[in-house]
Amino acid sequence: MKAIITATLVFLISGAIVPVVQAQTDSSASDPQLAHSVRVSFAHAGVSTSHVFVFARGGKVTLLGWVPEHDQVALAERTAASVPGVTSVDSWLARGL
């Protein structure tokens, strides 16, 4: 079961990285700043982010990874949505093993 979850996560991350790399070549500098602001907000809110990737493009934030407790998923989504400049949050977060 753990191998299936790991393989699925690797697949999702690899599929998400290619568009992000392409987006960074033709997007404004505000996208990395927005992703950084979301990560800083996570730290202030107490979201465990050691296994969370944050991607931003044009105000849309994508969260990918896992957190140790189920309530952290909702907290991460709410926290990301509250950051100025975030227009939407696409969450691919799960509770880790």
N, C-alpha and C. Protein backbone atom coordinates (compact mmCIF):
# COMPACT_ATOMS: atom_id res chain seq x y z
N MET A 1 0.82 -1.20 0.00
CA MET A 1 0.00 0.00 0.00
C MET A 1 0.86 1.25 0.00
N LYS A 2 1.93 1.22 0.83
CA LYS A 2 2.82 2.37 0.92
C LYS A 2 3.52 2.61 -0.42
N ALA A 3 3.88 1.54 -1.12
CA ALA A 3 4.53 1.67 -2.42
C ALA A 3 3.59 2.29 -3.45
N ILE A 4 2.33 1.94 -3.38
CA ILE A 4 1.35 2.50 -4.31
C ILE A 4 1.19 3.99 -4.07
N ILE A 5 1.10 4.40 -2.82
CA ILE A 5 0.97 5.81 -2.49
C ILE A 5 2.20 6.57 -2.93
N THR A 6 3.38 6.01 -2.68
CA THR A 6 4.63 6.66 -3.07
C THR A 6 4.71 6.80 -4.59
N ALA A 7 4.37 5.75 -5.32
CA ALA A 7 4.42 5.79 -6.78
C ALA A 7 3.43 6.82 -7.32
N THR A 8 2.26 6.89 -6.74
CA THR A 8 1.26 7.86 -7.17
C THR A 8 1.74 9.28 -6.91
N LEU A 9 2.34 9.51 -5.76
CA LEU A 9 2.85 10.83 -5.44
C LEU A 9 3.97 11.24 -6.38
N VAL A 10 4.87 10.32 -6.69
CA VAL A 10 5.95 10.62 -7.64
C VAL A 10 5.38 10.97 -9.00
N PHE A 11 4.38 10.24 -9.43
CA PHE A 11 3.74 10.53 -10.71
C PHE A 11 3.11 11.92 -10.71
N LEU A 12 2.39 12.26 -9.63
CA LEU A 12 1.75 13.57 -9.55
C LEU A 12 2.78 14.69 -9.51
N ILE A 13 3.85 14.50 -8.76
CA ILE A 13 4.89 15.54 -8.67
C ILE A 13 5.56 15.73 -10.03
N SER A 14 5.90 14.64 -10.70
CA SER A 14 6.56 14.77 -11.99
C SER A 14 5.66 15.45 -13.01
N GLY A 15 4.36 15.19 -12.94
CA GLY A 15 3.43 15.85 -13.85
C GLY A 15 3.23 17.31 -13.52
N ALA A 16 3.45 17.68 -12.27
CA ALA A 16 3.27 19.07 -11.87
C ALA A 16 4.53 19.90 -12.10
N ILE A 17 5.69 19.27 -12.07
CA ILE A 17 6.94 20.03 -12.19
C ILE A 17 7.13 20.58 -13.60
N VAL A 18 6.83 19.81 -14.62
CA VAL A 18 7.04 20.26 -15.99
C VAL A 18 6.27 21.54 -16.28
N PRO A 19 4.96 21.63 -15.99
CA PRO A 19 4.28 22.90 -16.24
C PRO A 19 4.84 24.05 -15.41
N VAL A 20 5.29 23.78 -14.19
CA VAL A 20 5.82 24.83 -13.34
C VAL A 20 7.12 25.36 -13.92
N VAL A 21 7.98 24.47 -14.40
CA VAL A 21 9.24 24.91 -15.00
C VAL A 21 8.95 25.76 -16.23
N GLN A 22 8.00 25.34 -17.04
CA GLN A 22 7.64 26.13 -18.20
C GLN A 22 7.01 27.45 -17.78
N ALA A 23 6.21 27.44 -16.73
CA ALA A 23 5.55 28.66 -16.27
C ALA A 23 6.57 29.67 -15.77
N GLN A 24 7.64 29.22 -15.14
CA GLN A 24 8.61 30.14 -14.60
C GLN A 24 9.40 30.85 -15.68
N THR A 25 9.47 30.28 -16.86
CA THR A 25 10.21 30.94 -17.93
C THR A 25 9.43 32.09 -18.54
N ASP A 26 8.09 32.04 -18.47
CA ASP A 26 7.34 33.13 -19.06
C ASP A 26 6.32 33.74 -18.10
N SER A 27 6.56 33.62 -16.82
CA SER A 27 5.66 34.25 -15.85
C SER A 27 6.39 35.37 -15.14
N SER A 28 5.63 36.16 -14.44
CA SER A 28 6.24 37.28 -13.73
C SER A 28 6.94 36.80 -12.47
N ALA A 29 7.77 37.65 -11.91
CA ALA A 29 8.50 37.30 -10.69
C ALA A 29 7.57 37.17 -9.50
N SER A 30 6.33 37.59 -9.62
CA SER A 30 5.42 37.53 -8.49
C SER A 30 4.97 36.10 -8.17
N ASP A 31 5.06 35.18 -9.13
CA ASP A 31 4.67 33.80 -8.85
C ASP A 31 5.55 33.16 -7.78
N PRO A 32 6.87 33.23 -7.89
CA PRO A 32 7.70 32.69 -6.81
C PRO A 32 7.48 33.42 -5.48
N GLN A 33 7.24 34.71 -5.55
CA GLN A 33 6.97 35.47 -4.33
C GLN A 33 5.68 35.02 -3.68
N LEU A 34 4.67 34.74 -4.50
CA LEU A 34 3.39 34.28 -3.96
C LEU A 34 3.55 32.91 -3.30
N ALA A 35 4.26 32.01 -3.95
CA ALA A 35 4.50 30.68 -3.37
C ALA A 35 5.25 30.82 -2.04
N HIS A 36 6.22 31.71 -2.00
CA HIS A 36 6.97 31.95 -0.76
C HIS A 36 6.05 32.50 0.33
N SER A 37 5.18 33.42 -0.02
CA SER A 37 4.24 33.99 0.96
C SER A 37 3.33 32.92 1.53
N VAL A 38 2.91 31.98 0.70
CA VAL A 38 2.07 30.88 1.18
C VAL A 38 2.85 30.02 2.17
N ARG A 39 4.11 29.70 1.84
CA ARG A 39 4.93 28.89 2.75
C ARG A 39 5.17 29.61 4.08
N VAL A 40 5.39 30.92 4.03
CA VAL A 40 5.57 31.70 5.26
C VAL A 40 4.28 31.67 6.09
N SER A 41 3.14 31.81 5.44
CA SER A 41 1.86 31.75 6.14
C SER A 41 1.64 30.39 6.78
N PHE A 42 2.07 29.32 6.09
CA PHE A 42 1.98 27.99 6.66
C PHE A 42 2.76 27.92 7.97
N ALA A 43 3.96 28.48 7.97
CA ALA A 43 4.80 28.45 9.17
C ALA A 43 4.12 29.17 10.33
N HIS A 44 3.51 30.31 10.05
CA HIS A 44 2.82 31.08 11.09
C HIS A 44 1.57 30.37 11.60
N ALA A 45 0.91 29.62 10.71
CA ALA A 45 -0.34 28.94 11.09
C ALA A 45 -0.09 27.58 11.72
N GLY A 46 1.15 27.09 11.67
CA GLY A 46 1.46 25.79 12.25
C GLY A 46 1.23 24.62 11.33
N VAL A 47 1.23 24.86 10.03
CA VAL A 47 1.06 23.77 9.07
C VAL A 47 2.41 23.09 8.89
N SER A 48 2.43 21.77 9.02
CA SER A 48 3.65 21.00 8.81
C SER A 48 3.91 20.89 7.31
N THR A 49 4.99 21.49 6.85
CA THR A 49 5.22 21.58 5.40
C THR A 49 6.44 20.80 4.91
N SER A 50 6.94 19.88 5.70
CA SER A 50 8.15 19.17 5.28
C SER A 50 7.91 18.31 4.02
N HIS A 51 6.67 17.95 3.76
CA HIS A 51 6.35 17.15 2.57
C HIS A 51 5.31 17.83 1.69
N VAL A 52 5.30 19.16 1.70
CA VAL A 52 4.31 19.92 0.91
C VAL A 52 5.05 20.79 -0.10
N PHE A 53 4.63 20.69 -1.35
CA PHE A 53 5.16 21.54 -2.41
C PHE A 53 4.11 22.60 -2.72
N VAL A 54 4.54 23.84 -2.90
CA VAL A 54 3.64 24.95 -3.21
C VAL A 54 4.04 25.51 -4.57
N PHE A 55 3.10 25.52 -5.50
CA PHE A 55 3.32 26.08 -6.83
C PHE A 55 2.34 27.23 -7.02
N ALA A 56 2.77 28.31 -7.67
CA ALA A 56 1.88 29.44 -7.93
C ALA A 56 2.03 29.89 -9.37
N ARG A 57 0.91 30.25 -9.95
CA ARG A 57 0.92 30.81 -11.30
C ARG A 57 -0.30 31.71 -11.46
N GLY A 58 -0.04 32.98 -11.63
CA GLY A 58 -1.12 33.93 -11.89
C GLY A 58 -2.17 33.98 -10.79
N GLY A 59 -1.77 33.80 -9.56
CA GLY A 59 -2.71 33.83 -8.44
C GLY A 59 -3.28 32.49 -8.05
N LYS A 60 -3.14 31.49 -8.93
CA LYS A 60 -3.62 30.14 -8.62
C LYS A 60 -2.51 29.40 -7.90
N VAL A 61 -2.82 28.85 -6.73
CA VAL A 61 -1.84 28.12 -5.92
C VAL A 61 -2.22 26.65 -5.93
N THR A 62 -1.23 25.81 -6.18
CA THR A 62 -1.42 24.36 -6.13
C THR A 62 -0.59 23.81 -4.98
N LEU A 63 -1.23 23.02 -4.12
CA LEU A 63 -0.58 22.37 -2.99
C LEU A 63 -0.50 20.88 -3.30
N LEU A 64 0.69 20.33 -3.17
CA LEU A 64 0.91 18.93 -3.51
C LEU A 64 1.76 18.28 -2.44
N GLY A 65 1.33 17.13 -1.93
CA GLY A 65 2.11 16.41 -0.94
C GLY A 65 1.24 15.83 0.14
N TRP A 66 1.82 15.68 1.32
CA TRP A 66 1.07 15.12 2.43
C TRP A 66 1.46 15.79 3.73
N VAL A 67 0.53 15.73 4.66
CA VAL A 67 0.71 16.30 6.00
C VAL A 67 0.44 15.19 7.02
N PRO A 68 0.95 15.34 8.25
CA PRO A 68 0.85 14.24 9.21
C PRO A 68 -0.55 14.01 9.78
N GLU A 69 -1.39 15.01 9.80
CA GLU A 69 -2.72 14.87 10.39
C GLU A 69 -3.78 15.39 9.43
N HIS A 70 -4.96 14.78 9.47
CA HIS A 70 -6.03 15.15 8.55
C HIS A 70 -6.44 16.62 8.68
N ASP A 71 -6.48 17.15 9.91
CA ASP A 71 -6.91 18.54 10.07
C ASP A 71 -5.91 19.52 9.46
N GLN A 72 -4.68 19.08 9.22
CA GLN A 72 -3.68 19.93 8.59
C GLN A 72 -4.02 20.21 7.12
N VAL A 73 -4.75 19.30 6.48
CA VAL A 73 -5.15 19.50 5.08
C VAL A 73 -6.04 20.73 4.99
N ALA A 74 -7.08 20.78 5.79
CA ALA A 74 -8.00 21.91 5.78
C ALA A 74 -7.30 23.20 6.22
N LEU A 75 -6.43 23.11 7.21
CA LEU A 75 -5.70 24.28 7.68
C LEU A 75 -4.81 24.83 6.57
N ALA A 76 -4.13 23.97 5.85
CA ALA A 76 -3.27 24.40 4.75
C ALA A 76 -4.08 25.08 3.66
N GLU A 77 -5.23 24.51 3.31
CA GLU A 77 -6.08 25.09 2.28
C GLU A 77 -6.60 26.47 2.68
N ARG A 78 -7.08 26.58 3.92
CA ARG A 78 -7.57 27.87 4.42
C ARG A 78 -6.46 28.91 4.49
N THR A 79 -5.30 28.49 4.96
CA THR A 79 -4.18 29.41 5.10
C THR A 79 -3.73 29.91 3.74
N ALA A 80 -3.61 29.02 2.77
CA ALA A 80 -3.19 29.43 1.42
C ALA A 80 -4.20 30.39 0.81
N ALA A 81 -5.49 30.11 0.99
CA ALA A 81 -6.53 30.96 0.42
C ALA A 81 -6.54 32.36 1.04
N SER A 82 -6.02 32.49 2.26
CA SER A 82 -6.06 33.78 2.94
C SER A 82 -4.88 34.70 2.58
N VAL A 83 -3.92 34.19 1.83
CA VAL A 83 -2.75 34.99 1.45
C VAL A 83 -3.15 36.00 0.38
N PRO A 84 -2.80 37.28 0.56
CA PRO A 84 -3.11 38.28 -0.46
C PRO A 84 -2.49 37.91 -1.81
N GLY A 85 -3.29 38.00 -2.85
CA GLY A 85 -2.83 37.67 -4.20
C GLY A 85 -3.25 36.29 -4.66
N VAL A 86 -3.67 35.44 -3.73
CA VAL A 86 -4.13 34.10 -4.10
C VAL A 86 -5.58 34.20 -4.57
N THR A 87 -5.82 33.74 -5.79
CA THR A 87 -7.18 33.78 -6.35
C THR A 87 -7.89 32.45 -6.23
N SER A 88 -7.12 31.35 -6.20
CA SER A 88 -7.72 30.03 -6.03
C SER A 88 -6.67 29.07 -5.49
N VAL A 89 -7.15 28.00 -4.85
CA VAL A 89 -6.27 26.97 -4.28
C VAL A 89 -6.70 25.62 -4.82
N ASP A 90 -5.78 24.93 -5.45
CA ASP A 90 -6.00 23.57 -5.94
C ASP A 90 -5.20 22.65 -5.04
N SER A 91 -5.88 21.90 -4.21
CA SER A 91 -5.19 21.09 -3.21
C SER A 91 -5.12 19.63 -3.60
N TRP A 92 -3.90 19.11 -3.61
CA TRP A 92 -3.64 17.69 -3.82
C TRP A 92 -2.98 17.12 -2.58
N LEU A 93 -3.38 17.65 -1.41
CA LEU A 93 -2.80 17.22 -0.15
C LEU A 93 -3.54 16.01 0.39
N ALA A 94 -2.79 15.17 1.04
CA ALA A 94 -3.36 13.99 1.70
C ALA A 94 -2.73 13.83 3.06
N ARG A 95 -3.37 13.06 3.90
CA ARG A 95 -2.80 12.75 5.20
C ARG A 95 -1.76 11.67 4.99
N GLY A 96 -0.53 11.92 5.44
CA GLY A 96 0.56 10.98 5.26
C GLY A 96 0.44 9.78 6.16
N LEU A 97 1.30 8.81 5.91
CA LEU A 97 1.31 7.57 6.68
C LEU A 97 2.12 7.74 7.94
